[in-house]
Every structure is written in structure tokens, then in C-alpha cells.
Protein backbone atom coordinates (compact mmCIF):
# COMPACT_ATOMS: atom_id res chain seq x y z
CA MET A 1 -0.17 -0.46 0.30
CA THR A 2 1.18 3.57 -0.12
CA ILE A 3 2.33 5.19 2.72
CA HIS A 4 1.09 8.85 2.88
CA ARG A 5 3.00 11.47 4.32
CA PRO A 6 0.85 13.88 7.05
CA THR A 7 -0.01 17.24 5.84
CA LYS A 8 0.49 20.34 7.85
CA ASP A 9 -3.06 20.26 8.86
CA GLN A 10 -3.36 16.56 9.76
CA LEU A 11 -0.49 17.33 12.38
CA GLN A 12 -2.18 20.19 14.05
CA ASP A 13 -5.47 18.15 14.24
CA ILE A 14 -3.19 15.49 16.02
CA ALA A 15 -1.25 17.91 18.16
CA ASP A 16 -4.93 19.45 19.39
CA THR A 17 -6.22 16.40 20.49
CA LEU A 18 -2.81 15.20 22.03
CA GLY A 19 -3.04 18.72 23.91
CA PHE A 20 0.08 20.08 22.36
CA ASP A 21 0.35 23.88 21.67
CA PHE A 22 2.50 24.54 18.89
CA ASP A 23 3.18 27.58 16.79
CA ASP A 24 3.27 27.52 13.31
CA ASP A 25 7.51 27.12 13.13
CA GLU A 26 7.38 24.22 15.47
CA LEU A 27 4.72 22.74 13.47
CA SER A 28 6.64 23.39 9.94
CA THR A 29 9.77 21.88 11.59
CA TYR A 30 7.47 18.31 13.24
CA HIS A 31 6.17 18.08 9.62
CA GLY A 32 9.62 17.82 7.87
CA ILE A 33 10.96 15.62 10.59
CA ILE A 34 8.02 13.55 10.52
CA ALA A 35 8.02 13.05 6.75
CA ASP A 36 11.42 12.53 6.27
CA SER A 37 10.88 9.25 8.77
CA MET A 38 8.64 7.56 6.94
CA GLY A 39 10.96 6.21 4.95
CA VAL A 40 10.99 3.61 7.32
CA TYR A 41 7.72 2.39 6.28
CA ASP A 42 8.33 2.20 2.87
CA VAL A 43 10.97 -0.59 3.65
CA VAL A 44 8.91 -2.45 6.18
CA ASP A 45 5.46 -1.92 3.72
CA GLU A 46 7.87 -3.34 0.23
CA MET A 47 8.89 -6.62 2.87
CA PRO A 48 6.21 -9.72 2.52
CA ASP A 49 4.53 -10.39 5.39
CA TYR A 50 5.73 -13.12 7.64
CA LEU A 51 2.70 -15.28 7.72
CA PRO A 52 2.17 -19.60 7.91
CA PRO A 53 2.22 -21.10 4.99
CA VAL A 54 -1.35 -22.52 4.03
CA ARG A 55 -0.59 -26.04 2.65
CA TYR A 56 -3.95 -27.63 1.92
CA PRO A 57 -6.17 -26.98 -0.99
CA ARG A 58 -9.48 -25.13 -0.92
CA THR A 59 -12.51 -23.46 -2.36
CA PRO A 60 -14.02 -20.53 -1.13
CA GLY A 61 -17.39 -22.40 -0.63
CA TYR A 62 -20.65 -20.60 -0.49
CA ARG A 63 -23.40 -19.52 1.57
CA PRO A 64 -25.88 -21.91 2.03
CA GLU A 65 -29.97 -20.82 2.20
CA GLY A 66 -33.33 -21.52 2.68
CA GLU A 67 -33.57 -25.61 3.86
CA GLU A 68 -29.90 -26.34 3.56
CA ASN A 69 -29.42 -23.71 6.44
CA LYS A 70 -32.55 -23.73 8.25
CA TYR A 71 -31.39 -22.66 11.69
CA GLY A 72 -29.13 -19.73 10.49
CA ALA A 73 -25.98 -21.98 11.74
CA TRP A 74 -24.15 -21.93 8.29
CA TYR A 75 -22.23 -18.64 7.14
CA TYR A 76 -20.04 -20.40 4.92
CA LYS A 77 -19.80 -23.92 3.56
CA THR A 78 -16.67 -25.19 1.97
CA SER A 79 -14.44 -28.54 1.90
CA VAL A 80 -11.32 -28.44 3.06
CA LYS A 81 -9.47 -32.08 3.66
CA GLY A 82 -6.54 -32.85 5.51
CA LYS A 83 -3.83 -35.73 5.49
CA ALA A 84 -5.13 -39.15 4.26
CA ARG A 85 -4.48 -40.38 8.13
CA GLY A 86 -4.95 -39.40 11.33
CA LYS A 87 -6.28 -38.92 14.56
CA LEU A 88 -9.86 -37.27 12.79
CA VAL A 89 -9.88 -39.06 9.68
CA GLY A 90 -13.70 -39.32 9.09
CA LYS A 91 -14.03 -36.18 11.07
CA ARG A 92 -16.02 -32.84 9.94
CA ILE A 93 -15.30 -29.94 12.01
CA VAL A 94 -16.87 -26.66 11.56
CA LEU A 95 -15.00 -23.52 12.78
CA LYS A 96 -16.96 -20.64 14.77
CA ASP A 97 -16.68 -17.57 12.14
CA THR A 98 -13.54 -15.87 14.17
CA ILE A 99 -10.66 -18.53 13.53
CA CYS A 100 -9.04 -18.06 9.92
CA LEU A 101 -9.48 -20.40 7.08
CA ALA A 102 -7.45 -18.87 4.12
CA GLY A 103 -9.41 -18.42 0.88
CA VAL A 104 -12.83 -18.42 2.92
CA PRO A 105 -14.71 -15.30 4.27
CA LEU A 106 -14.55 -14.42 7.38
CA MET A 107 -17.30 -12.55 9.36
CA ASP A 108 -17.34 -12.61 12.75
CA GLY A 109 -21.08 -12.05 12.76
CA ALA A 110 -20.32 -8.09 11.57
CA SER A 111 -21.70 -6.20 8.44
CA SER A 112 -18.19 -4.30 8.80
CA LEU A 113 -16.32 -7.51 7.89
CA GLU A 114 -18.09 -8.67 5.21
CA GLY A 115 -16.55 -9.36 2.37
CA TYR A 116 -12.83 -10.08 4.50
CA VAL A 117 -10.99 -13.28 3.08
CA PRO A 118 -8.10 -14.50 5.55
CA ASP A 119 -4.94 -14.93 3.94
CA VAL A 120 -3.55 -17.36 6.74
CA ASP A 121 -4.94 -20.83 8.63
CA ALA A 122 -5.18 -20.53 12.13
CA GLU A 123 -2.94 -22.85 14.18
CA ILE A 124 -5.70 -25.01 14.99
CA VAL A 125 -6.85 -25.32 11.39
CA SER A 126 -3.34 -26.62 10.57
CA ARG A 127 -3.33 -29.09 13.36
CA ILE A 128 -6.49 -30.48 12.32
CA LEU A 129 -5.95 -30.88 8.58
CA ASP A 130 -2.30 -32.17 9.95
CA ALA A 131 -4.44 -35.17 12.00
CA GLY A 132 -6.73 -35.89 8.99
CA GLY A 133 -10.16 -33.76 9.56
CA GLU A 134 -12.22 -32.05 7.21
CA ILE A 135 -13.03 -28.33 7.82
CA ALA A 136 -16.86 -28.12 6.96
CA GLY A 137 -17.02 -24.52 6.51
CA LYS A 138 -17.47 -21.56 8.89
CA ALA A 139 -20.51 -21.02 11.47
CA VAL A 140 -22.21 -17.82 12.43
CA CYS A 141 -21.28 -16.43 15.73
CA GLU A 142 -22.75 -13.02 16.79
CA TYR A 143 -21.43 -9.56 15.90
CA PHE A 144 -18.21 -9.15 17.57
CA SER A 145 -19.25 -12.24 19.32
CA TYR A 146 -20.29 -9.71 22.09
CA SER A 147 -23.37 -11.55 23.50
CA GLY A 148 -24.80 -14.35 25.11
CA GLY A 149 -27.70 -14.64 22.88
CA SER A 150 -28.21 -15.75 19.27
CA HIS A 151 -29.94 -12.62 17.40
CA THR A 152 -27.04 -10.30 16.60
CA ALA A 153 -25.50 -11.57 13.87
CA THR A 154 -25.77 -9.32 10.76
CA THR A 155 -26.75 -12.75 8.76
CA GLY A 156 -29.89 -13.35 11.15
CA HIS A 157 -31.05 -15.16 14.06
CA VAL A 158 -29.51 -18.57 14.86
CA HIS A 159 -32.59 -21.08 16.22
CA ASN A 160 -32.08 -23.37 18.80
CA PRO A 161 -32.24 -27.01 17.61
CA HIS A 162 -34.90 -27.92 20.10
CA LYS A 163 -37.10 -25.71 19.86
CA ARG A 164 -37.15 -23.11 16.77
CA GLY A 165 -38.23 -19.49 17.56
CA TYR A 166 -35.75 -19.62 20.87
CA SER A 167 -32.05 -18.63 21.55
CA ALA A 168 -29.17 -21.06 20.78
CA GLY A 169 -27.00 -19.35 22.78
CA GLY A 170 -23.84 -17.59 22.08
CA SER A 171 -21.38 -16.24 20.65
CA SER A 172 -20.79 -19.76 18.93
CA SER A 173 -24.09 -19.94 18.19
CA GLY A 174 -23.84 -21.54 14.89
CA CYS A 175 -21.20 -24.45 16.14
CA ALA A 176 -23.24 -25.62 18.64
CA VAL A 177 -26.39 -25.65 16.31
CA LEU A 178 -24.63 -27.51 13.75
CA VAL A 179 -23.08 -30.23 16.07
CA ALA A 180 -26.43 -30.37 17.98
CA THR A 181 -28.35 -31.00 14.76
CA GLY A 182 -25.68 -33.36 13.41
CA GLU A 183 -24.90 -31.80 10.47
CA VAL A 184 -21.19 -31.72 11.55
CA ASP A 185 -19.13 -34.07 14.33
CA MET A 186 -17.22 -31.41 16.00
CA ALA A 187 -16.75 -27.30 15.86
CA MET A 188 -14.25 -25.07 17.31
CA GLY A 189 -15.85 -22.01 19.32
CA GLY A 190 -14.69 -18.97 21.14
CA ASP A 191 -14.88 -18.29 24.58
CA GLN A 192 -14.09 -15.05 26.27
CA ALA A 193 -17.19 -14.63 28.93
CA GLY A 194 -19.13 -18.36 28.48
CA SER A 195 -19.36 -18.57 24.25
CA ILE A 196 -18.72 -22.48 24.23
CA ARG A 197 -20.21 -22.96 27.62
CA ILE A 198 -23.49 -21.18 26.99
CA PRO A 199 -24.61 -22.48 23.46
CA ALA A 200 -23.43 -25.81 24.53
CA ALA A 201 -25.94 -25.68 27.42
CA HIS A 202 -28.52 -24.54 25.53
CA SER A 203 -28.14 -26.69 22.55
CA GLY A 204 -27.64 -29.90 24.55
CA ILE A 205 -24.02 -30.82 23.48
CA TYR A 206 -20.78 -30.71 25.00
CA GLY A 207 -18.37 -27.52 25.15
CA LEU A 208 -15.03 -27.21 27.00
CA LYS A 209 -13.36 -23.78 27.96
CA PRO A 210 -9.86 -25.00 27.97
CA THR A 211 -7.24 -23.68 30.72
CA TYR A 212 -6.47 -20.23 29.09
CA GLY A 213 -3.02 -20.81 26.72
CA LEU A 214 -3.64 -24.50 26.41
CA VAL A 215 -5.03 -23.99 23.14
CA PRO A 216 -2.96 -21.72 20.48
CA TYR A 217 -5.13 -18.89 19.47
CA SER A 218 -2.77 -17.69 16.89
CA GLY A 219 -5.04 -16.77 13.55
CA ILE A 220 -8.39 -16.28 15.91
CA LEU A 221 -9.59 -12.91 16.11
CA SER A 222 -9.48 -11.87 19.22
CA SER A 223 -11.79 -10.25 21.69
CA GLU A 224 -9.52 -9.46 24.98
CA PHE A 225 -6.31 -11.04 24.87
CA ASN A 226 -6.54 -11.42 28.98
CA VAL A 227 -9.46 -13.78 28.12
CA ASP A 228 -9.08 -15.22 24.55
CA HIS A 229 -9.99 -19.11 24.57
CA THR A 230 -10.83 -21.89 21.48
CA GLY A 231 -12.26 -24.81 22.59
CA PRO A 232 -13.89 -28.14 21.57
CA MET A 233 -17.43 -28.29 21.17
CA THR A 234 -18.85 -32.05 20.41
CA ALA A 235 -21.88 -34.40 20.54
CA THR A 236 -20.17 -36.76 23.26
CA VAL A 237 -17.20 -36.02 25.86
CA ALA A 238 -14.70 -39.07 23.25
CA ASP A 239 -15.02 -36.50 20.68
CA ASN A 240 -14.30 -33.54 22.75
CA ALA A 241 -11.17 -35.21 24.44
CA LEU A 242 -10.19 -36.73 20.77
CA LEU A 243 -10.45 -32.54 19.24
CA LEU A 244 -8.69 -31.06 22.14
CA GLU A 245 -5.76 -33.74 22.01
CA VAL A 246 -5.70 -32.72 18.43
CA VAL A 247 -5.08 -28.95 19.09
CA ALA A 248 -3.92 -28.33 22.41
CA GLY A 249 -0.25 -27.85 22.84
CA ALA A 250 2.15 -24.77 22.45
CA ASP A 251 2.92 -23.12 19.22
CA GLY A 252 5.55 -21.32 20.02
CA VAL A 253 3.66 -18.38 18.68
CA ASP A 254 0.99 -17.34 20.74
CA PRO A 255 1.82 -15.76 23.76
CA ARG A 256 -1.17 -16.57 25.80
CA GLN A 257 0.61 -19.79 26.25
CA ARG A 258 3.19 -20.41 29.20
CA ASP A 259 4.02 -23.43 30.94
CA VAL A 260 1.39 -25.20 28.56
CA LYS A 261 0.50 -29.14 30.18
CA ILE A 262 -1.03 -31.13 28.10
CA ALA A 263 -2.39 -34.96 28.27
CA ARG A 264 -3.69 -38.18 26.40
CA TYR A 265 -7.13 -36.69 26.80
CA SER A 266 -8.77 -39.51 25.69
CA ARG A 267 -7.13 -41.83 27.74
CA ALA A 268 -9.00 -40.68 30.45
CA LEU A 269 -11.84 -41.94 29.59
CA GLU A 270 -10.83 -45.04 30.60
CA GLN A 271 -9.95 -43.79 34.05
CA SER A 272 -13.12 -44.12 36.57
CA ALA A 273 -14.65 -41.56 38.01
CA LYS A 274 -15.21 -43.43 41.05
CA SER A 275 -13.28 -41.59 44.37
CA LEU A 276 -13.11 -37.92 43.05
CA LYS A 277 -14.55 -35.15 44.81
CA VAL A 278 -16.55 -32.52 43.73
CA GLY A 279 -17.26 -29.78 44.83
CA ILE A 280 -21.26 -28.33 44.60
CA LEU A 281 -20.48 -24.38 44.26
CA LYS A 282 -23.30 -23.03 46.82
CA GLU A 283 -23.09 -19.81 44.77
CA GLY A 284 -23.55 -20.88 41.56
CA PHE A 285 -26.96 -21.64 42.55
CA GLY A 286 -30.15 -19.33 43.28
CA TRP A 287 -29.67 -16.43 41.06
CA GLU A 288 -32.03 -13.76 40.69
CA GLY A 289 -33.95 -14.13 37.32
CA GLY A 290 -32.53 -18.01 37.37
CA ASP A 291 -34.64 -20.48 36.68
CA ALA A 292 -35.55 -23.25 39.24
CA ASP A 293 -35.89 -25.84 37.04
CA VAL A 294 -32.18 -25.27 36.01
CA ASP A 295 -31.12 -25.80 39.62
CA SER A 296 -33.38 -28.38 40.46
CA ALA A 297 -31.60 -30.82 37.15
CA VAL A 298 -28.17 -29.93 37.95
CA LYS A 299 -28.75 -30.81 41.42
CA ALA A 300 -30.62 -33.78 40.14
CA ALA A 301 -27.29 -34.58 38.24
CA ALA A 302 -24.96 -34.12 41.31
CA ARG A 303 -27.17 -36.70 43.11
CA HIS A 304 -26.68 -39.23 40.15
CA LEU A 305 -23.13 -39.00 40.27
CA LYS A 306 -22.76 -39.86 43.97
CA LYS A 307 -24.68 -43.19 43.05
CA LEU A 308 -21.91 -43.33 40.16
CA GLY A 309 -19.51 -43.61 43.33
CA VAL A 310 -18.07 -39.26 43.55
CA ASN A 311 -17.74 -38.00 46.13
CA VAL A 312 -20.54 -34.90 46.00
CA LYS A 313 -20.49 -32.91 48.68
CA GLU A 314 -21.49 -28.87 49.17
CA VAL A 315 -18.64 -26.08 49.04
CA SER A 316 -18.85 -22.30 49.28
CA ILE A 317 -16.99 -19.49 47.65
CA PRO A 318 -18.73 -16.46 48.38
CA LEU A 319 -16.89 -13.93 45.83
CA HIS A 320 -17.96 -16.60 43.29
CA ARG A 321 -21.22 -14.20 43.53
CA LYS A 322 -19.53 -11.19 42.42
CA GLY A 323 -17.33 -12.74 39.69
CA TRP A 324 -19.22 -11.60 37.00
CA GLN A 325 -19.21 -8.05 37.97
CA ILE A 326 -15.49 -8.25 38.16
CA TRP A 327 -15.73 -9.47 34.63
CA ILE A 328 -18.29 -6.37 33.62
CA ALA A 329 -15.69 -4.12 35.07
CA PHE A 330 -12.73 -5.85 32.92
CA ALA A 331 -14.18 -6.27 29.93
CA VAL A 332 -16.30 -3.10 28.71
CA GLU A 333 -12.77 -1.35 28.59
CA GLY A 334 -10.89 -4.21 27.53
CA TYR A 335 -13.15 -4.83 24.71
CA LEU A 336 -13.12 -1.55 23.61
CA LYS A 337 -9.21 -1.11 23.77
CA ASN A 338 -8.65 -4.25 21.85
CA MET A 339 -11.72 -5.28 19.86
CA VAL A 340 -12.79 -1.74 18.53
CA TYR A 341 -9.73 0.51 18.65
CA GLY A 342 -7.36 -2.27 18.38
CA ASN A 343 -8.77 -3.50 15.32
CA GLY A 344 -9.18 -7.17 17.33
CA LEU A 345 -5.13 -7.52 17.60
CA GLY A 346 -4.50 -4.79 20.43
CA ASN A 347 -0.63 -4.25 21.32
CA GLY A 348 1.61 -4.64 24.05
CA HIS A 349 2.03 -8.46 22.80
CA GLY A 350 3.86 -10.37 20.51
CA GLY A 351 2.22 -13.41 18.84
CA LEU A 352 0.94 -13.57 15.12
CA PHE A 353 -0.73 -10.66 13.72
CA VAL A 354 -3.01 -10.69 10.35
CA THR A 355 -2.82 -7.75 9.30
CA SER A 356 -4.63 -8.14 6.49
CA LEU A 357 -7.69 -8.20 9.01
CA ASN A 358 -6.40 -5.28 10.86
CA ASP A 359 -6.87 -3.19 7.61
CA LYS A 360 -10.42 -4.49 7.22
CA LEU A 361 -11.56 -3.69 10.82
CA ARG A 362 -10.28 -0.05 10.88
CA ALA A 363 -13.47 0.64 8.82
CA TRP A 364 -15.74 0.01 11.65
CA PRO A 365 -16.55 3.57 12.27
CA GLU A 366 -18.57 3.45 8.61
CA HIS A 367 -20.53 0.48 10.20
CA ALA A 368 -21.41 1.88 14.04
CA ASN A 369 -24.97 2.13 13.59
CA GLU A 370 -24.90 -1.30 12.55
CA PHE A 371 -23.69 -2.37 15.75
CA SER A 372 -25.85 -4.29 18.17
CA PRO A 373 -27.76 -2.51 21.11
CA GLY A 374 -25.49 -4.40 23.75
CA LEU A 375 -22.01 -3.49 21.87
CA LYS A 376 -23.14 0.52 21.60
CA PHE A 377 -24.40 0.26 25.11
CA GLY A 378 -20.19 -1.66 26.52
CA MET A 379 -18.48 1.14 24.10
CA LEU A 380 -20.43 4.02 25.23
CA LEU A 381 -19.91 2.57 28.71
CA GLY A 382 -16.16 1.81 27.93
CA GLU A 383 -15.19 5.16 26.76
CA TYR A 384 -16.69 6.88 29.66
CA LEU A 385 -14.64 4.82 31.75
CA ASN A 386 -11.55 5.08 29.53
CA ARG A 387 -11.94 8.66 29.73
CA ASN A 388 -12.84 9.16 33.37
CA TYR A 389 -10.93 7.06 34.88
CA SER A 390 -8.14 5.66 32.23
CA GLY A 391 -8.33 1.73 32.92
CA HIS A 392 -8.03 2.06 36.50
CA TYR A 393 -11.48 -0.28 37.34
CA TYR A 394 -9.30 -2.70 33.92
CA GLY A 395 -7.01 -3.10 36.47
CA LYS A 396 -8.53 -3.07 39.60
CA ALA A 397 -10.95 -6.11 37.83
CA LEU A 398 -7.51 -7.80 36.79
CA ASN A 399 -6.12 -7.55 40.47
CA LEU A 400 -9.66 -9.00 41.78
CA ALA A 401 -9.47 -11.88 39.28
CA ARG A 402 -6.19 -12.97 41.14
CA ARG A 403 -8.06 -13.12 44.10
CA LEU A 404 -10.73 -15.14 42.57
CA GLN A 405 -8.72 -17.27 41.40
CA ALA A 406 -6.52 -17.89 44.52
CA ASP A 407 -10.35 -18.75 46.21
CA TYR A 408 -11.05 -21.47 43.72
CA ASP A 409 -7.68 -22.89 43.81
CA THR A 410 -8.12 -23.09 47.62
CA ALA A 411 -11.38 -25.29 46.85
CA LEU A 412 -9.88 -27.35 44.11
CA ALA A 413 -7.15 -28.12 46.35
CA GLU A 414 -9.63 -30.32 48.26
CA TYR A 415 -11.82 -31.06 45.57
CA ASP A 416 -10.42 -32.60 42.19
CA LEU A 417 -13.77 -30.21 40.56
CA LEU A 418 -16.43 -27.69 41.27
CA LEU A 419 -20.12 -28.05 39.79
CA MET A 420 -22.95 -25.45 39.15
CA PRO A 421 -25.30 -24.66 36.44
CA THR A 422 -23.93 -23.79 33.22
CA ALA A 423 -25.99 -20.89 32.88
CA PRO A 424 -28.95 -20.03 35.73
CA GLN A 425 -31.82 -19.70 32.80
CA LYS A 426 -32.62 -22.02 29.98
CA ALA A 427 -32.85 -20.39 26.38
CA LYS A 428 -35.50 -17.52 25.98
CA PRO A 429 -37.19 -16.92 23.27
CA LEU A 430 -35.57 -14.74 20.14
CA PRO A 431 -36.45 -11.07 20.16
CA THR A 432 -39.14 -9.89 17.51
CA PRO A 433 -39.13 -6.55 15.65
CA ASP A 434 -41.00 -4.63 18.66
CA THR A 435 -38.96 -5.82 21.32
CA SER A 436 -37.39 -2.62 23.68
CA LEU A 437 -34.08 -1.60 23.50
CA GLU A 438 -33.31 -2.46 27.32
CA LYS A 439 -34.61 -6.14 26.96
CA LEU A 440 -32.22 -6.68 23.62
CA ILE A 441 -29.48 -5.44 25.73
CA GLU A 442 -30.28 -7.60 28.60
CA LEU A 443 -30.42 -10.67 26.29
CA GLN A 444 -26.65 -10.10 25.17
CA PHE A 445 -25.55 -10.18 28.61
CA GLY A 446 -27.69 -12.79 30.28
CA TYR A 447 -26.36 -16.19 30.90
CA ILE A 448 -23.04 -15.13 32.15
CA GLU A 449 -22.77 -15.39 36.13
CA ASN A 450 -21.41 -19.03 36.29
CA THR A 451 -19.45 -18.68 33.43
CA SER A 452 -17.33 -15.39 33.16
CA PRO A 453 -15.67 -15.53 36.20
CA PHE A 454 -13.71 -18.64 35.22
CA ASP A 455 -12.60 -16.82 31.74
CA LEU A 456 -10.85 -14.46 33.81
CA THR A 457 -9.23 -16.94 36.61
CA HIS A 458 -8.01 -19.19 33.41
CA HIS A 459 -9.84 -22.55 34.90
CA PRO A 460 -10.95 -25.24 32.48
CA ALA A 461 -14.35 -25.88 31.87
CA LEU A 462 -17.43 -28.00 30.58
CA SER A 463 -20.61 -28.01 30.33
CA VAL A 464 -22.53 -30.92 30.11
CA PRO A 465 -26.00 -31.71 29.26
CA CYS A 466 -27.76 -33.10 31.99
CA GLY A 467 -31.59 -32.72 31.76
CA MET A 468 -34.72 -31.34 29.12
CA SER A 469 -36.90 -29.31 30.47
CA SER A 470 -40.67 -29.61 30.60
CA ASP A 471 -41.05 -27.38 27.70
CA GLY A 472 -38.44 -28.97 25.39
CA LEU A 473 -35.07 -26.78 26.32
CA PRO A 474 -31.49 -28.39 27.29
CA ILE A 475 -29.78 -27.76 30.85
CA GLY A 476 -26.72 -27.86 31.37
CA MET A 477 -24.52 -28.44 34.25
CA MET A 478 -20.69 -27.10 34.37
CA LEU A 479 -18.02 -28.85 35.72
CA ALA A 480 -14.65 -26.48 36.56
CA GLY A 481 -11.01 -27.77 37.55
CA LYS A 482 -7.43 -27.18 38.23
CA HIS A 483 -5.46 -25.72 35.10
CA PHE A 484 -4.60 -28.13 32.79
CA ASP A 485 -6.39 -31.01 34.72
CA GLU A 486 -8.71 -31.12 31.53
CA ALA A 487 -8.43 -34.86 31.81
CA THR A 488 -9.78 -35.17 35.09
CA ILE A 489 -12.86 -33.41 34.14
CA TYR A 490 -13.72 -35.35 31.20
CA ARG A 491 -13.44 -38.46 33.47
CA VAL A 492 -16.61 -37.18 35.27
CA ALA A 493 -18.19 -36.42 32.33
CA HIS A 494 -17.77 -39.37 30.16
CA ALA A 495 -19.18 -41.31 33.88
CA PHE A 496 -22.04 -39.02 33.70
CA GLU A 497 -22.92 -39.30 29.99
CA GLN A 498 -22.59 -43.33 29.86
CA SER A 499 -24.89 -43.84 32.91
CA GLY A 500 -27.93 -42.65 30.78
CA ASP A 501 -29.65 -41.11 28.43
CA TRP A 502 -29.60 -36.99 29.46
CA ARG A 503 -32.90 -36.22 27.88
CA LYS A 504 -34.58 -38.95 30.04
CA MET A 505 -32.78 -37.56 33.27
């Protein structure tokens, strides 16, 4: 691209913004020095970007319509086939539409990204293909992944696979639906506040938010560096463990990864869950506005685990009750600076920068009026906090997150896992054209009370389908464990899964 030199008027405008008072001679001097220094950028611009090579052939695919996309869950269909041998041979995997798949459009549910085509594969894509998997396409997600519902994507609503007209959860909504309906075997979702686990709970599948850094985030659109997670969403525990086994491990690029510990997760399913200790988190139940049948179903699931030989006992962590508030205090500024002003890349860290994505994202102001109400709310509040408190509460929230992590770790020193509802509420009806602004924002930020704290503290957590409500909607139980101890989560989840049909529990 052409690197334009600034005009004096442009520099004057910048100086005014930064609070610099220049006379005309000073401005002219700075103008000349800056124009000369821009030669550095000419040199960098002429150099090729240092991106991983794309190693498997593919075609762009197409946007399915009508009966081929009756739940609104597909963004693009394609077929990218990997090696002829490997752990994932015969498995079709869909990607949340934040994950770069070279040559196939990426939209992140946002009108401002429509037409963008990545020039790189995310690291997890390469690992899936190297293991023999087939990438079947991209699944719809919420606008900039900023919603726990399934109603903000530019492409339209994503419908619950068990009850049309109801939410499928978000933001990895399309992933959950395509797995639940059997259109794909597996999916890779993303989770910053519950975006894997909430749609998993509402759609009746297994969704894992792994330990922070266990799975490389390289080549995935970042919402906020401190809470970015990508993980498997599947119809069975065995498939979940298998997919994690393939994608987990350091890539030498993602700075989120530190002292990563991996395991043969599939083998964990061979181990008994008897004698393991599970703490029923008292503060994870009884939320204001929560559904009584959700609490009841999850407590029944805990009693069922006890019958299977798991040592189940109630545990109290009072600070959990404020965890979602700590997350909000952190996220409104964090998302604004990283996702919006940082063009999904942010700064202050190393790693892979997909510069073509940065170039496309920076045009967001042209589409600002198309943003969802919840996103506008978050940006307004975030900018107010930024201007008046300049990161004070963002930083304090991260400090408090360490305190919360310590409280969880104390409980997890005594218990192998913590148990609670994934979401306090079942899926709600999708909004209609006359739904109020207040209700639209509420629907975007609902459901995160139990999920969001573990994004901040980085503990792994899996949503396990554990019952069907009388009105035909799935209910999810969440199991959270020690850092890098996904294997123990799988042991308990597998024992529960094998003991009966969750739909009839």
C-alpha cells in the first residue's frame, strides 16, 4: 500500500487532540522531520509479511440458504480436506467464524467485516488438517462475538435446535447448532465470557473452555487478550477429548501460552471417576432471575454422580457471586481497547498479527450504526470509563481476578472439580422487531453469571448436558477444574454420559 505523508493540517489536528500547543514554526519543523522519518515505513511496506504457509488446497465455498441452512447456523460451507491418516480421519469440523481459514470468508457476525477473506490458516486449522480432519465450513457467531444470545449476527437469528424461535446461546451459536443437529461431528468455538459453554448448554452438547493458553489462539480474531480461549464443541465426551488432544499444545508463537501442560485426554475416559471429589458450588445456584428447574436438574445430576461413586459435597466460595461483576468491570474497557480501537489485535504483546484483518477492521466507524444494542452499550460505557478513570477499574478487576483465582484454587486443593449450572436460565425466546432496547441489551448480557468468572481466572470448564426441561429445552451442568487438568473433567463427564440418556434424566 502507499504510505502517505501527513499534511500540516493533519498534524495540527493530532496536536490538538494530544494537547500540544505549537506555533507555526514548530509545526513546520515537526512536519519536516516526520515526513523524512516515514521512509522507514516504505521499507517495511515493501517487505513480504511473515505468515505461516497455507498447505492444503481449498475453495472459497458458498453461503447456504433455505432448507440447507434452516437454523441460520451456517455462514459458509466448504470442504478442506487434510491428511489421509490421523486421529480425525472421517470427522467433519466446523469453525466459529472468528477463526482464520485462508481463502474462505470471515465475518465474525459483523457487517463491517463482510467481504473479508483471510490469507492465513489459524494454527488450530493446520493441526486439524494434519490430523486428517475435514474443515466443513464456518459457523455463524454473534456480532463481534459480543453476545450470549443468538440474535445479533448480521446474517440473522440462529435458532435453537430443540425449539425453533428460541435462542441457541452465544456467541458460538452456529457451532452448537450444527453439532447438535448432526450436520458436523465437531466444532471449534471461542469463549471470553461463556461463548462456548452457554450455547453448548442451550443446545444440548458438550462445550469445553480449556485452560487459558492450552490451545493456541494464533490466527483467531481476538476479543480481549486476557480472556481469549478456543475449544472443542461436540456431541460426545469422547469426541471432545479427541479434538482437544489434536489442537492442544504450545505453538511457539502465541504469547498466551506459558508452561503449557498437555495430556492424552482420550485415555482419561478409560479411568474411573469413583472416589473423585466434586464440590457443589453453593454460590452457583439461586441466581436472581434464574430458572428453578435449571437448579433442580443440576442438583439431580450431582446426586446421580454420587450414585456413580463420585464423592459429592457442597462447597462455598462467596466471591464467586461477584465474579461476573468483576468480569463486566474488566471487559467493557478491555473489549473497547482491544476489539474496537485495537482492531482485534491490540498491542503490548507478541504473536501472530493478521494485518489484512487489521486493515479491514479499522473501517468499523463506517458501520457503527449497525452495531448491536449491547455492543453500543459496552462501547459507550467503556469510552466513558476510559476518559474519566483511564483504566483504573480495568486494572482493579484484573487484580480481583487473581483473588478469585486463589479462592477457586483453595477449593480445588480439596476437591477435584467444582459443579454448578452452566447458565442459570434456559434458552429464552428470540427477540422480535418490537422487543424493547432494554430487553435486547439484557438478552446479550444474560447467562454469564457462572461462566464468565472462569474466563478471568483461566480454569478449564466443561458444559455437560444433564436434563431436558418440561418445555423441551436442554439444561447444562458445568464442571470446572484445576489449571491444565482437563483430563479429570473428562473422567467425570464421561461417567455421567455413559450412565444414561441425559434427555431422560
